[in-house]
PDB file of N, CA and C in Angstrom:
ATOM      1  N   MET A   1      16.240 114.222  27.328  1.00  0.00           N
ATOM      2  CA  MET A   1      17.019 113.447  27.512  1.00  0.00           C
ATOM      3  C   MET A   1      18.196 113.579  26.840  1.00  0.00           C
ATOM      4  N   PRO A   2      19.334 113.670  27.650  1.00  0.00           N
ATOM      5  CA  PRO A   2      20.774 114.091  26.860  1.00  0.00           C
ATOM      6  C   PRO A   2      21.134 112.801  25.993  1.00  0.00           C
ATOM      7  N   ALA A   3      22.124 113.211  25.539  1.00  0.00           N
ATOM      8  CA  ALA A   3      22.452 112.336  24.441  1.00  0.00           C
ATOM      9  C   ALA A   3      23.436 111.236  24.975  1.00  0.00           C
ATOM     10  N   ASP A   4      24.271 111.266  25.982  1.00  0.00           N
ATOM     11  CA  ASP A   4      24.760 110.124  26.732  1.00  0.00           C
ATOM     12  C   ASP A   4      23.707 108.784  27.467  1.00  0.00           C
ATOM     13  N   GLU A   5      22.647 109.759  27.760  1.00  0.00           N
ATOM     14  CA  GLU A   5      21.586 108.233  28.447  1.00  0.00           C
ATOM     15  C   GLU A   5      21.260 107.798  27.600  1.00  0.00           C
ATOM     16  N   LEU A   6      20.892 108.697  26.077  1.00  0.00           N
ATOM     17  CA  LEU A   6      20.334 107.599  25.081  1.00  0.00           C
ATOM     18  C   LEU A   6      21.100 106.713  24.657  1.00  0.00           C
ATOM     19  N   VAL A   7      22.579 106.829  24.624  1.00  0.00           N
ATOM     20  CA  VAL A   7      23.619 105.891  24.624  1.00  0.00           C
ATOM     21  C   VAL A   7      23.578 105.045  25.106  1.00  0.00           C
ATOM     22  N   ARG A   8      23.185 104.987  26.601  1.00  0.00           N
ATOM     23  CA  ARG A   8      23.290 104.212  27.664  1.00  0.00           C
ATOM     24  C   ARG A   8      21.938 102.799  27.460  1.00  0.00           C
ATOM     25  N   ARG A   9      21.125 104.067  27.256  1.00  0.00           N
ATOM     26  CA  ARG A   9      19.704 102.879  27.110  1.00  0.00           C
ATOM     27  C   ARG A   9      20.019 102.181  26.092  1.00  0.00           C
ATOM     28  N   CYS A  10      20.128 102.625  24.770  1.00  0.00           N
ATOM     29  CA  CYS A  10      20.397 101.670  23.646  1.00  0.00           C
ATOM     30  C   CYS A  10      21.545 100.490  23.399  1.00  0.00           C
ATOM     31  N   GLY A  11      22.385 100.675  24.273  1.00  0.00           N
ATOM     32  CA  GLY A  11      23.698  99.662  24.408  1.00  0.00           C
ATOM     33  C   GLY A  11      24.777  99.705  23.377  1.00  0.00           C
ATOM     34  N   CYS A  12      24.381 100.991  22.524  1.00  0.00           N
ATOM     35  CA  CYS A  12      25.305 101.077  21.849  1.00  0.00           C
ATOM     36  C   CYS A  12      26.839 100.518  21.939  1.00  0.00           C
ATOM     37  N   ARG A  13      27.555 100.175  20.890  1.00  0.00           N
ATOM     38  CA  ARG A  13      29.405 100.166  21.418  1.00  0.00           C
ATOM     39  C   ARG A  13      30.000 101.288  20.937  1.00  0.00           C
ATOM     40  N   TRP A  14      29.164 102.335  20.698  1.00  0.00           N
ATOM     41  CA  TRP A  14      29.823 103.716  20.020  1.00  0.00           C
ATOM     42  C   TRP A  14      29.681 104.704  21.273  1.00  0.00           C
ATOM     43  N   ARG A  15      30.049 104.788  22.220  1.00  0.00           N
ATOM     44  CA  ARG A  15      29.835 105.416  23.619  1.00  0.00           C
ATOM     45  C   ARG A  15      30.182 106.615  23.320  1.00  0.00           C
ATOM     46  N   GLY A  16      31.503 106.682  22.944  1.00  0.00           N
ATOM     47  CA  GLY A  16      32.350 108.038  22.945  1.00  0.00           C
ATOM     48  C   GLY A  16      32.445 108.882  21.606  1.00  0.00           C
ATOM     49  N   ALA A  17      31.421 108.294  20.530  1.00  0.00           N
ATOM     50  CA  ALA A  17      31.410 108.763  19.430  1.00  0.00           C
ATOM     51  C   ALA A  17      30.565 109.534  19.080  1.00  0.00           C
ATOM     52  N   LEU A  18      30.062 110.433  19.435  1.00  0.00           N
ATOM     53  CA  LEU A  18      28.918 111.511  19.439  1.00  0.00           C
ATOM     54  C   LEU A  18      29.539 112.465  18.706  1.00  0.00           C
ATOM     55  N   ILE A  19      28.979 113.140  18.125  1.00  0.00           N
ATOM     56  CA  ILE A  19      29.496 114.210  17.271  1.00  0.00           C
ATOM     57  C   ILE A  19      29.172 115.198  17.331  1.00  0.00           C
ATOM     58  N   LYS A  20      30.092 116.215  17.896  1.00  0.00           N
ATOM     59  CA  LYS A  20      29.821 117.700  17.972  1.00  0.00           C
ATOM     60  C   LYS A  20      29.767 117.744  16.810  1.00  0.00           C
ATOM     61  N   LEU A  21      28.411 118.889  16.929  1.00  0.00           N
ATOM     62  CA  LEU A  21      28.348 119.751  15.307  1.00  0.00           C
ATOM     63  C   LEU A  21      28.651 121.188  15.556  1.00  0.00           C
ATOM     64  N   ASN A  22      29.117 121.619  16.418  1.00  0.00           N
ATOM     65  CA  ASN A  22      29.023 123.067  16.476  1.00  0.00           C
ATOM     66  C   ASN A  22      30.465 123.286  16.901  1.00  0.00           C
ATOM     67  N   ILE A  23      31.572 123.052  16.524  1.00  0.00           N
ATOM     68  CA  ILE A  23      32.719 123.595  16.681  1.00  0.00           C
ATOM     69  C   ILE A  23      33.334 124.728  17.031  1.00  0.00           C
ATOM     70  N   THR A  24      33.802 125.497  17.554  1.00  0.00           N
ATOM     71  CA  THR A  24      34.476 126.740  17.474  1.00  0.00           C
ATOM     72  C   THR A  24      35.933 126.664  16.348  1.00  0.00           C
ATOM     73  N   CYS A  25      36.466 127.881  16.065  1.00  0.00           N
ATOM     74  CA  CYS A  25      37.172 128.251  15.161  1.00  0.00           C
ATOM     75  C   CYS A  25      38.634 127.553  15.834  1.00  0.00           C
ATOM     76  N   ARG A  26      38.870 128.123  17.250  1.00  0.00           N
ATOM     77  CA  ARG A  26      39.970 127.332  17.816  1.00  0.00           C
ATOM     78  C   ARG A  26      39.897 125.857  17.902  1.00  0.00           C
ATOM     79  N   GLU A  27      38.826 125.105  18.170  1.00  0.00           N
ATOM     80  CA  GLU A  27      38.718 123.647  17.971  1.00  0.00           C
ATOM     81  C   GLU A  27      38.872 123.318  16.733  1.00  0.00           C
ATOM     82  N   ALA A  28      38.520 123.689  15.524  1.00  0.00           N
ATOM     83  CA  ALA A  28      38.521 123.631  14.194  1.00  0.00           C
ATOM     84  C   ALA A  28      40.242 123.578  14.066  1.00  0.00           C
ATOM     85  N   THR A  29      40.733 124.793  14.245  1.00  0.00           N
ATOM     86  CA  THR A  29      42.304 124.788  14.217  1.00  0.00           C
ATOM     87  C   THR A  29      43.011 123.852  14.757  1.00  0.00           C
ATOM     88  N   GLU A  30      42.752 123.566  16.116  1.00  0.00           N
ATOM     89  CA  GLU A  30      42.937 122.028  16.831  1.00  0.00           C
ATOM     90  C   GLU A  30      43.321 121.524  16.006  1.00  0.00           C
ATOM     91  N   ILE A  31      41.885 120.875  15.612  1.00  0.00           N
ATOM     92  CA  ILE A  31      41.780 119.585  14.567  1.00  0.00           C
ATOM     93  C   ILE A  31      42.845 119.384  13.445  1.00  0.00           C
ATOM     94  N   VAL A  32      42.576 120.712  12.613  1.00  0.00           N
ATOM     95  CA  VAL A  32      43.624 120.558  11.309  1.00  0.00           C
ATOM     96  C   VAL A  32      44.617 120.562  11.756  1.00  0.00           C
ATOM     97  N   LEU A  33      45.358 120.977  12.866  1.00  0.00           N
ATOM     98  CA  LEU A  33      46.919 120.737  13.104  1.00  0.00           C
ATOM     99  C   LEU A  33      47.319 119.287  13.558  1.00  0.00           C
ATOM    100  N   LYS A  34      46.606 118.850  14.357  1.00  0.00           N
ATOM    101  CA  LYS A  34      46.431 117.604  14.748  1.00  0.00           C
ATOM    102  C   LYS A  34      46.583 116.435  13.763  1.00  0.00           C
ATOM    103  N   ALA A  35      45.763 116.786  12.643  1.00  0.00           N
ATOM    104  CA  ALA A  35      45.426 115.701  11.702  1.00  0.00           C
ATOM    105  C   ALA A  35      47.199 115.650  10.800  1.00  0.00           C
ATOM    106  N   GLU A  36      47.891 116.337  11.447  1.00  0.00           N
ATOM    107  CA  GLU A  36      48.872 116.139  10.494  1.00  0.00           C
ATOM    108  C   GLU A  36      49.679 115.002  11.101  1.00  0.00           C
ATOM    109  N   ASP A  37      49.436 114.549  12.287  1.00  0.00           N
ATOM    110  CA  ASP A  37      50.376 113.329  12.924  1.00  0.00           C
ATOM    111  C   ASP A  37      49.806 112.401  12.819  1.00  0.00           C
ATOM    112  N   ARG A  38      48.202 112.301  12.899  1.00  0.00           N
ATOM    113  CA  ARG A  38      47.566 111.226  13.004  1.00  0.00           C
ATOM    114  C   ARG A  38      46.174 111.615  11.875  1.00  0.00           C
ATOM    115  N   ALA A  39      45.657 110.337  11.698  1.00  0.00           N
ATOM    116  CA  ALA A  39      44.710 110.011  10.745  1.00  0.00           C
ATOM    117  C   ALA A  39      43.389 110.794  11.743  1.00  0.00           C
ATOM    118  N   MET A  40      42.293 111.637  10.742  1.00  0.00           N
ATOM    119  CA  MET A  40      40.950 112.195  11.523  1.00  0.00           C
ATOM    120  C   MET A  40      39.914 111.047  12.260  1.00  0.00           C
ATOM    121  N   PRO A  41      39.404 110.895  12.934  1.00  0.00           N
ATOM    122  CA  PRO A  41      38.236 110.056  13.106  1.00  0.00           C
ATOM    123  C   PRO A  41      37.214 110.596  12.199  1.00  0.00           C
ATOM    124  N   LEU A  42      36.388 109.855  12.017  1.00  0.00           N
ATOM    125  CA  LEU A  42      35.063 110.303  11.025  1.00  0.00           C
ATOM    126  C   LEU A  42      34.310 111.646  11.605  1.00  0.00           C
ATOM    127  N   ALA A  43      34.184 111.183  12.723  1.00  0.00           N
ATOM    128  CA  ALA A  43      33.180 112.335  13.873  1.00  0.00           C
ATOM    129  C   ALA A  43      33.939 113.626  13.538  1.00  0.00           C
ATOM    130  N   GLU A  44      35.433 113.996  13.715  1.00  0.00           N
ATOM    131  CA  GLU A  44      35.870 115.193  13.384  1.00  0.00           C
ATOM    132  C   GLU A  44      36.315 115.492  12.059  1.00  0.00           C
ATOM    133  N   ARG A  45      36.367 114.493  11.296  1.00  0.00           N
ATOM    134  CA  ARG A  45      35.792 115.382   9.586  1.00  0.00           C
ATOM    135  C   ARG A  45      34.797 115.554   9.801  1.00  0.00           C
ATOM    136  N   LEU A  46      33.875 115.324  10.228  1.00  0.00           N
ATOM    137  CA  LEU A  46      32.553 115.529   9.775  1.00  0.00           C
ATOM    138  C   LEU A  46      32.231 117.035  10.408  1.00  0.00           C
ATOM    139  N   SER A  47      32.608 117.244  12.000  1.00  0.00           N
ATOM    140  CA  SER A  47      32.230 118.532  12.290  1.00  0.00           C
ATOM    141  C   SER A  47      33.287 119.498  11.659  1.00  0.00           C
ATOM    142  N   LEU A  48      34.099 119.088  11.043  1.00  0.00           N
ATOM    143  CA  LEU A  48      35.272 119.672  10.497  1.00  0.00           C
ATOM    144  C   LEU A  48      34.671 120.632   9.207  1.00  0.00           C
ATOM    145  N   ARG A  49      34.278 119.591   8.540  1.00  0.00           N
ATOM    146  CA  ARG A  49      33.852 119.857   7.104  1.00  0.00           C
ATOM    147  C   ARG A  49      32.253 120.792   7.015  1.00  0.00           C
ATOM    148  N   LEU A  50      31.727 120.212   8.273  1.00  0.00           N
ATOM    149  CA  LEU A  50      30.119 121.246   8.793  1.00  0.00           C
ATOM    150  C   LEU A  50      30.498 122.642   8.652  1.00  0.00           C
ATOM    151  N   HIS A  51      32.098 122.806   9.790  1.00  0.00           N
ATOM    152  CA  HIS A  51      32.274 124.150  10.103  1.00  0.00           C
ATOM    153  C   HIS A  51      32.729 125.067   9.085  1.00  0.00           C
ATOM    154  N   TYR A  52      33.443 124.198   8.136  1.00  0.00           N
ATOM    155  CA  TYR A  52      34.194 124.806   6.958  1.00  0.00           C
ATOM    156  C   TYR A  52      33.181 125.383   6.251  1.00  0.00           C
ATOM    157  N   ARG A  53      31.627 125.054   6.292  1.00  0.00           N
ATOM    158  CA  ARG A  53      30.495 125.559   5.355  1.00  0.00           C
ATOM    159  C   ARG A  53      30.409 126.611   5.723  1.00  0.00           C
ATOM    160  N   ILE A  54      30.428 127.276   7.005  1.00  0.00           N
ATOM    161  CA  ILE A  54      30.108 128.584   7.779  1.00  0.00           C
ATOM    162  C   ILE A  54      31.209 129.554   7.914  1.00  0.00           C
ATOM    163  N   CYS A  55      32.766 128.991   7.771  1.00  0.00           N
ATOM    164  CA  CYS A  55      33.464 129.746   8.337  1.00  0.00           C
ATOM    165  C   CYS A  55      34.666 129.553   7.049  1.00  0.00           C
ATOM    166  N   GLY A  56      35.110 130.888   6.404  1.00  0.00           N
ATOM    167  CA  GLY A  56      35.709 130.969   5.490  1.00  0.00           C
ATOM    168  C   GLY A  56      37.350 130.804   5.788  1.00  0.00           C
ATOM    169  N   ASN A  57      37.516 131.869   7.332  1.00  0.00           N
ATOM    170  CA  ASN A  57      38.712 131.486   7.724  1.00  0.00           C
ATOM    171  C   ASN A  57      39.295 130.448   8.152  1.00  0.00           C
ATOM    172  N   CYS A  58      38.391 129.408   8.169  1.00  0.00           N
ATOM    173  CA  CYS A  58      38.991 128.373   8.721  1.00  0.00           C
ATOM    174  C   CYS A  58      39.569 127.579   7.501  1.00  0.00           C
ATOM    175  N   ARG A  59      38.551 127.348   6.720  1.00  0.00           N
ATOM    176  CA  ARG A  59      38.959 126.883   5.050  1.00  0.00           C
ATOM    177  C   ARG A  59      40.282 127.594   4.822  1.00  0.00           C
ATOM    178  N   ARG A  60      40.451 128.898   4.815  1.00  0.00           N
ATOM    179  CA  ARG A  60      41.909 129.634   4.489  1.00  0.00           C
ATOM    180  C   ARG A  60      42.723 129.089   5.199  1.00  0.00           C
ATOM    181  N   PHE A  61      42.563 129.120   6.302  1.00  0.00           N
ATOM    182  CA  PHE A  61      43.687 128.454   7.374  1.00  0.00           C
ATOM    183  C   PHE A  61      44.275 127.227   6.720  1.00  0.00           C
ATOM    184  N   ALA A  62      42.901 126.081   6.872  1.00  0.00           N
ATOM    185  CA  ALA A  62      43.574 124.393   6.145  1.00  0.00           C
ATOM    186  C   ALA A  62      43.922 124.593   4.909  1.00  0.00           C
ATOM    187  N   ARG A  63      43.951 125.435   4.317  1.00  0.00           N
ATOM    188  CA  ARG A  63      44.647 125.579   3.047  1.00  0.00           C
ATOM    189  C   ARG A  63      46.030 125.711   3.316  1.00  0.00           C
ATOM    190  N   GLN A  64      46.427 126.926   3.968  1.00  0.00           N
ATOM    191  CA  GLN A  64      47.467 127.503   4.200  1.00  0.00           C
ATOM    192  C   GLN A  64      48.205 126.414   4.643  1.00  0.00           C
ATOM    193  N   VAL A  65      47.689 125.459   5.774  1.00  0.00           N
ATOM    194  CA  VAL A  65      48.754 124.297   6.279  1.00  0.00           C
ATOM    195  C   VAL A  65      48.701 123.261   5.163  1.00  0.00           C
ATOM    196  N   GLU A  66      47.835 122.827   4.761  1.00  0.00           N
ATOM    197  CA  GLU A  66      48.411 122.216   3.544  1.00  0.00           C
ATOM    198  C   GLU A  66      49.418 122.872   2.538  1.00  0.00           C
ATOM    199  N   LEU A  67      49.146 123.705   1.872  1.00  0.00           N
ATOM    200  CA  LEU A  67      50.615 124.241   1.241  1.00  0.00           C
ATOM    201  C   LEU A  67      51.792 124.382   1.975  1.00  0.00           C
ATOM    202  N   MET A  68      51.880 124.863   3.174  1.00  0.00           N
ATOM    203  CA  MET A  68      53.210 124.516   3.939  1.00  0.00           C
ATOM    204  C   MET A  68      53.829 123.278   3.879  1.00  0.00           C
ATOM    205  N   ARG A  69      52.579 121.864   4.152  1.00  0.00           N
ATOM    206  CA  ARG A  69      53.138 120.990   4.411  1.00  0.00           C
ATOM    207  C   ARG A  69      53.571 120.516   3.049  1.00  0.00           C
ATOM    208  N   THR A  70      53.064 120.775   1.987  1.00  0.00           N
ATOM    209  CA  THR A  70      53.529 120.471   0.974  1.00  0.00           C
ATOM    210  C   THR A  70      55.034 121.192   0.202  1.00  0.00           C
ATOM    211  N   ALA A  71      54.889 122.546   0.646  1.00  0.00           N
ATOM    212  CA  ALA A  71      56.201 123.066   0.239  1.00  0.00           C
ATOM    213  C   ALA A  71      57.400 122.415   1.359  1.00  0.00           C
ATOM    214  N   SER A  72      57.221 122.047   2.518  1.00  0.00           N
ATOM    215  CA  SER A  72      57.984 121.320   3.190  1.00  0.00           C
ATOM    216  C   SER A  72      58.377 120.263   2.660  1.00  0.00           C
ATOM    217  N   ALA A  73      57.467 119.079   2.221  1.00  0.00           N
ATOM    218  CA  ALA A  73      57.554 117.976   1.480  1.00  0.00           C
ATOM    219  C   ALA A  73      58.837 118.380   0.503  1.00  0.00           C
ATOM    220  N   ARG A  74      58.261 119.093  -0.147  1.00  0.00           N
ATOM    221  CA  ARG A  74      59.133 119.642  -1.806  1.00  0.00           C
ATOM    222  C   ARG A  74      60.861 120.010  -1.254  1.00  0.00           C
ATOM    223  N   TRP A  75      60.778 121.019  -0.137  1.00  0.00           N
ATOM    224  CA  TRP A  75      62.269 121.468  -0.040  1.00  0.00           C
ATOM    225  C   TRP A  75      63.082 120.411   0.805  1.00  0.00           C
ATOM    226  N   ARG A  76      62.406 119.334   1.882  1.00  0.00           N
ATOM    227  CA  ARG A  76      63.246 118.002   1.644  1.00  0.00           C
ATOM    228  C   ARG A  76      63.765 117.130   0.708  1.00  0.00           C
ATOM    229  N   LYS A  77      62.704 116.916  -0.354  1.00  0.00           N
ATOM    230  CA  LYS A  77      63.011 116.428  -1.219  1.00  0.00           C
ATOM    231  C   LYS A  77      64.343 116.757  -2.216  1.00  0.00           C
ATOM    232  N   TYR A  78      64.015 118.169  -2.307  1.00  0.00           N
ATOM    233  CA  TYR A  78      65.076 119.427  -2.776  1.00  0.00           C
ATOM    234  C   TYR A  78      66.827 119.017  -2.115  1.00  0.00           C
ATOM    235  N   THR A  79      66.291 118.727  -0.796  1.00  0.00           N
ATOM    236  CA  THR A  79      67.266 119.010  -0.252  1.00  0.00           C
ATOM    237  C   THR A  79      67.962 117.809  -0.246  1.00  0.00           C
ATOM    238  N   GLU A  80      67.638 116.518  -0.656  1.00  0.00           N
ATOM    239  CA  GLU A  80      67.848 115.072  -0.481  1.00  0.00           C
ATOM    240  C   GLU A  80      68.883 114.872  -1.710  1.00  0.00           C
ATOM    241  N   ASP A  81      68.236 115.523  -2.853  1.00  0.00           N
ATOM    242  CA  ASP A  81      69.008 115.085  -4.172  1.00  0.00           C
ATOM    243  C   ASP A  81      70.311 115.916  -4.255  1.00  0.00           C
TER     244      ASP A  81
END
């Protein structure tokens, strides 16, 4: 039975909140980049965390994005002073 059918039968309020566990690297990088502008929903955080367990490249990409975000914040602070 498909997951959507199970959710519909149980009457759950969280109809669209199914967690996609197998995300691709492309989806993982998209989530990381979108997280700069908005808070990540729980489902995205969990799927991303699971993806990081198997993909070192995406972990490295997330660290690089965080480094750039930190460097940009420091630069803005430096130029304002």
